[in-house]
Amino acid sequence: MTRIGLSPVLGYLIIKQDFNLALGIFGLAGVTDLLDGYIARNWANQKSALGSALDPLADKILISVLYVCLTYANLIPVPLTVMIILRDIALIASVFYVRYKTLPPPRTVGKYFNPCYATAQLEPTFISKMNTAVQLILVAASLAAPVFNYVDSVYLQVLWCITAFTTIASGYSYYHYGQKTVKVLNSSK
């Protein structure tokens, strides 16, 4: 919830070009993500269906807001942001489709949007995990660029290319491995 709440704050700070504070708050968001993952892995009674639904949603919201705002601030190229957003939209649409197909009748709106009623689990591919890491590294590097005066660095441009490659590879891996990445928890008719 902290990452979801910090997303618009970070977006506002980036648009207002307060990159020092934005970089610090982004670091705080990263710490909350690491802490959340550590707690969920090490204390079994702290895992929940709601938490497992909110964690990737928080990542998608944070990444989307940051990429759009960093593009607005001319720190990330438009085509890269469009590519990332389109990949995420395709993944979200796929999740909605899988949710619909795995929900047993009667399919009600309440049951469909109830995160505590899990019907399927998406296992991220290795390249998808790498892509998320690369995308977050690019965000951190882009936020730090105006603070440390390396906005026009060739290394930042290389990172754009690596991010584009991992985004395409990740999207393809979900397309190619599709059903192997989805574990159905409840069977439907």
Foldseek 3Di string as FASTA:
>chain_A
DLLLVCQVVLLVCLLVPVLVVSLVVLVVSVVVLVVLVVCVVPPVVSDALVVVVVNVVSLVSNLLSLLVSLVVSVLAPPVLSVLLVVLVVVVVVVVLVVLVQQDAPPDDPCLSPPSRNDFKDFAQDPLRVVLSVLSSVLSSCSSCCVVVVCSPPVVSVVSSVVNSVSSVVRSVCCVVCVVVRMGGPHHYD
